[in-house]
Amino acid sequence: MSGDTTGSSVLPDIDKEILDIVRQVLGRQDVDLDDELFDKGATSLSFVRILARIRQDYRVTISPLSLPAATARHLASSVAAGSSATAQTGDDT
């Protein structure tokens, strides 16, 4: 992977926040935005825990089947899209 994708000065807030959640749940600081999470030690259970934290923190439900790949970047994009949709519809449940 080229370039630094982990420095807070180069990441949008949502990318950094989701990457922090992923790193906390996996207990690894060496995970980058474009790393395939299952290649970095994620299990089905830890992935569900990541999705649950995202649902709790952002009130956005992400279906694993909707992701093109299990990466922090795709999760962050889904959160951003879900937050935008929630704001447009006014649905915060």
C-alpha atoms as a PDB file:
ATOM      1  CA  MET A   1       0.000   0.000   0.000  1.00  0.00           C
ATOM      2  CA  SER A   2       1.420   3.384  -0.902  1.00  0.00           C
ATOM      3  CA  GLY A   3       1.078   6.582   1.071  1.00  0.00           C
ATOM      4  CA  ASP A   4       0.094   7.176   4.653  1.00  0.00           C
ATOM      5  CA  THR A   5      -3.577   6.460   5.189  1.00  0.00           C
ATOM      6  CA  THR A   6      -3.436   6.503   8.957  1.00  0.00           C
ATOM      7  CA  GLY A   7      -2.307  10.021   9.860  1.00  0.00           C
ATOM      8  CA  SER A   8      -5.152  12.100  11.235  1.00  0.00           C
ATOM      9  CA  SER A   9      -4.048  15.109   9.183  1.00  0.00           C
ATOM     10  CA  VAL A  10      -4.786  13.309   5.900  1.00  0.00           C
ATOM     11  CA  LEU A  11      -7.962  11.439   6.830  1.00  0.00           C
ATOM     12  CA  PRO A  12     -11.478  12.840   6.872  1.00  0.00           C
ATOM     13  CA  ASP A  13     -12.978  12.602  10.366  1.00  0.00           C
ATOM     14  CA  ILE A  14     -15.340   9.746   9.511  1.00  0.00           C
ATOM     15  CA  ASP A  15     -12.504   7.648   8.060  1.00  0.00           C
ATOM     16  CA  LYS A  16     -10.397   8.194  11.174  1.00  0.00           C
ATOM     17  CA  GLU A  17     -13.293   7.446  13.527  1.00  0.00           C
ATOM     18  CA  ILE A  18     -14.244   4.211  11.757  1.00  0.00           C
ATOM     19  CA  LEU A  19     -10.605   3.156  11.562  1.00  0.00           C
ATOM     20  CA  ASP A  20     -10.331   3.761  15.321  1.00  0.00           C
ATOM     21  CA  ILE A  21     -13.378   1.532  15.932  1.00  0.00           C
ATOM     22  CA  VAL A  22     -11.929  -1.211  13.726  1.00  0.00           C
ATOM     23  CA  ARG A  23      -8.568  -1.039  15.495  1.00  0.00           C
ATOM     24  CA  GLN A  24     -10.198  -1.136  18.935  1.00  0.00           C
ATOM     25  CA  VAL A  25     -12.398  -4.114  18.141  1.00  0.00           C
ATOM     26  CA  LEU A  26      -9.579  -6.045  16.476  1.00  0.00           C
ATOM     27  CA  GLY A  27      -7.023  -4.998  19.082  1.00  0.00           C
ATOM     28  CA  ARG A  28      -4.552  -4.071  16.340  1.00  0.00           C
ATOM     29  CA  GLN A  29      -3.034  -0.729  15.493  1.00  0.00           C
ATOM     30  CA  ASP A  30      -1.526  -1.930  12.201  1.00  0.00           C
ATOM     31  CA  VAL A  31      -4.849  -1.901  10.312  1.00  0.00           C
ATOM     32  CA  ASP A  32      -5.091   0.700   7.541  1.00  0.00           C
ATOM     33  CA  LEU A  33      -8.132   1.991   5.660  1.00  0.00           C
ATOM     34  CA  ASP A  34      -7.754  -0.297   2.659  1.00  0.00           C
ATOM     35  CA  ASP A  35      -6.732  -3.462   4.489  1.00  0.00           C
ATOM     36  CA  GLU A  36      -9.097  -6.388   4.106  1.00  0.00           C
ATOM     37  CA  LEU A  37     -10.207  -6.846   7.706  1.00  0.00           C
ATOM     38  CA  PHE A  38     -10.385 -10.627   7.520  1.00  0.00           C
ATOM     39  CA  ASP A  39      -6.767 -10.655   6.335  1.00  0.00           C
ATOM     40  CA  LYS A  40      -5.916  -8.657   9.483  1.00  0.00           C
ATOM     41  CA  GLY A  41      -7.466 -11.172  11.841  1.00  0.00           C
ATOM     42  CA  ALA A  42     -11.129 -10.211  11.861  1.00  0.00           C
ATOM     43  CA  THR A  43     -13.597 -13.029  12.410  1.00  0.00           C
ATOM     44  CA  SER A  44     -17.301 -13.057  11.647  1.00  0.00           C
ATOM     45  CA  LEU A  45     -17.964 -12.243  15.295  1.00  0.00           C
ATOM     46  CA  SER A  46     -15.510  -9.337  15.434  1.00  0.00           C
ATOM     47  CA  PHE A  47     -16.959  -7.956  12.189  1.00  0.00           C
ATOM     48  CA  VAL A  48     -20.447  -8.062  13.708  1.00  0.00           C
ATOM     49  CA  ARG A  49     -19.031  -6.224  16.739  1.00  0.00           C
ATOM     50  CA  ILE A  50     -17.634  -3.518  14.438  1.00  0.00           C
ATOM     51  CA  LEU A  51     -21.026  -3.159  12.756  1.00  0.00           C
ATOM     52  CA  ALA A  52     -22.736  -2.996  16.161  1.00  0.00           C
ATOM     53  CA  ARG A  53     -20.394  -0.205  17.319  1.00  0.00           C
ATOM     54  CA  ILE A  54     -21.106   1.711  14.126  1.00  0.00           C
ATOM     55  CA  ARG A  55     -24.857   1.259  14.655  1.00  0.00           C
ATOM     56  CA  GLN A  56     -24.535   2.431  18.272  1.00  0.00           C
ATOM     57  CA  ASP A  57     -22.275   5.408  17.569  1.00  0.00           C
ATOM     58  CA  TYR A  58     -23.730   6.619  14.257  1.00  0.00           C
ATOM     59  CA  ARG A  59     -27.248   5.169  14.192  1.00  0.00           C
ATOM     60  CA  VAL A  60     -26.490   3.666  10.802  1.00  0.00           C
ATOM     61  CA  THR A  61     -27.120   0.021  10.000  1.00  0.00           C
ATOM     62  CA  ILE A  62     -24.751  -1.495   7.477  1.00  0.00           C
ATOM     63  CA  SER A  63     -25.474  -4.821   5.830  1.00  0.00           C
ATOM     64  CA  PRO A  64     -22.270  -6.786   5.309  1.00  0.00           C
ATOM     65  CA  LEU A  65     -23.697  -7.866   1.953  1.00  0.00           C
ATOM     66  CA  SER A  66     -23.801  -4.239   0.791  1.00  0.00           C
ATOM     67  CA  LEU A  67     -20.036  -3.772   1.114  1.00  0.00           C
ATOM     68  CA  PRO A  68     -17.817  -4.321  -1.922  1.00  0.00           C
ATOM     69  CA  ALA A  69     -15.042  -5.358   0.502  1.00  0.00           C
ATOM     70  CA  ALA A  70     -14.597  -5.584   4.259  1.00  0.00           C
ATOM     71  CA  THR A  71     -12.356  -2.551   4.703  1.00  0.00           C
ATOM     72  CA  ALA A  72     -12.497   0.428   7.043  1.00  0.00           C
ATOM     73  CA  ARG A  73     -12.769   2.714   4.008  1.00  0.00           C
ATOM     74  CA  HIS A  74     -15.896   0.937   2.728  1.00  0.00           C
ATOM     75  CA  LEU A  75     -17.394   1.003   6.218  1.00  0.00           C
ATOM     76  CA  ALA A  76     -16.706   4.749   6.497  1.00  0.00           C
ATOM     77  CA  SER A  77     -18.260   5.370   3.062  1.00  0.00           C
ATOM     78  CA  SER A  78     -21.357   3.440   4.110  1.00  0.00           C
ATOM     79  CA  VAL A  79     -21.599   5.428   7.352  1.00  0.00           C
ATOM     80  CA  ALA A  80     -21.273   8.705   5.446  1.00  0.00           C
ATOM     81  CA  ALA A  81     -23.933   7.634   2.945  1.00  0.00           C
ATOM     82  CA  GLY A  82     -26.210   6.347   5.708  1.00  0.00           C
ATOM     83  CA  SER A  83     -25.803   9.494   7.790  1.00  0.00           C
ATOM     84  CA  SER A  84     -26.628  11.613   4.764  1.00  0.00           C
ATOM     85  CA  ALA A  85     -29.741   9.545   4.018  1.00  0.00           C
ATOM     86  CA  THR A  86     -30.869   9.768   7.647  1.00  0.00           C
ATOM     87  CA  ALA A  87     -30.375  13.546   7.672  1.00  0.00           C
ATOM     88  CA  GLN A  88     -32.362  13.924   4.430  1.00  0.00           C
ATOM     89  CA  THR A  89     -35.307  11.826   5.628  1.00  0.00           C
ATOM     90  CA  GLY A  90     -35.198  13.023   9.213  1.00  0.00           C
ATOM     91  CA  ASP A  91     -35.285   9.398  10.382  1.00  0.00           C
ATOM     92  CA  ASP A  92     -33.088   8.963  13.428  1.00  0.00           C
ATOM     93  CA  THR A  93     -34.395   5.628  14.687  1.00  0.00           C
END
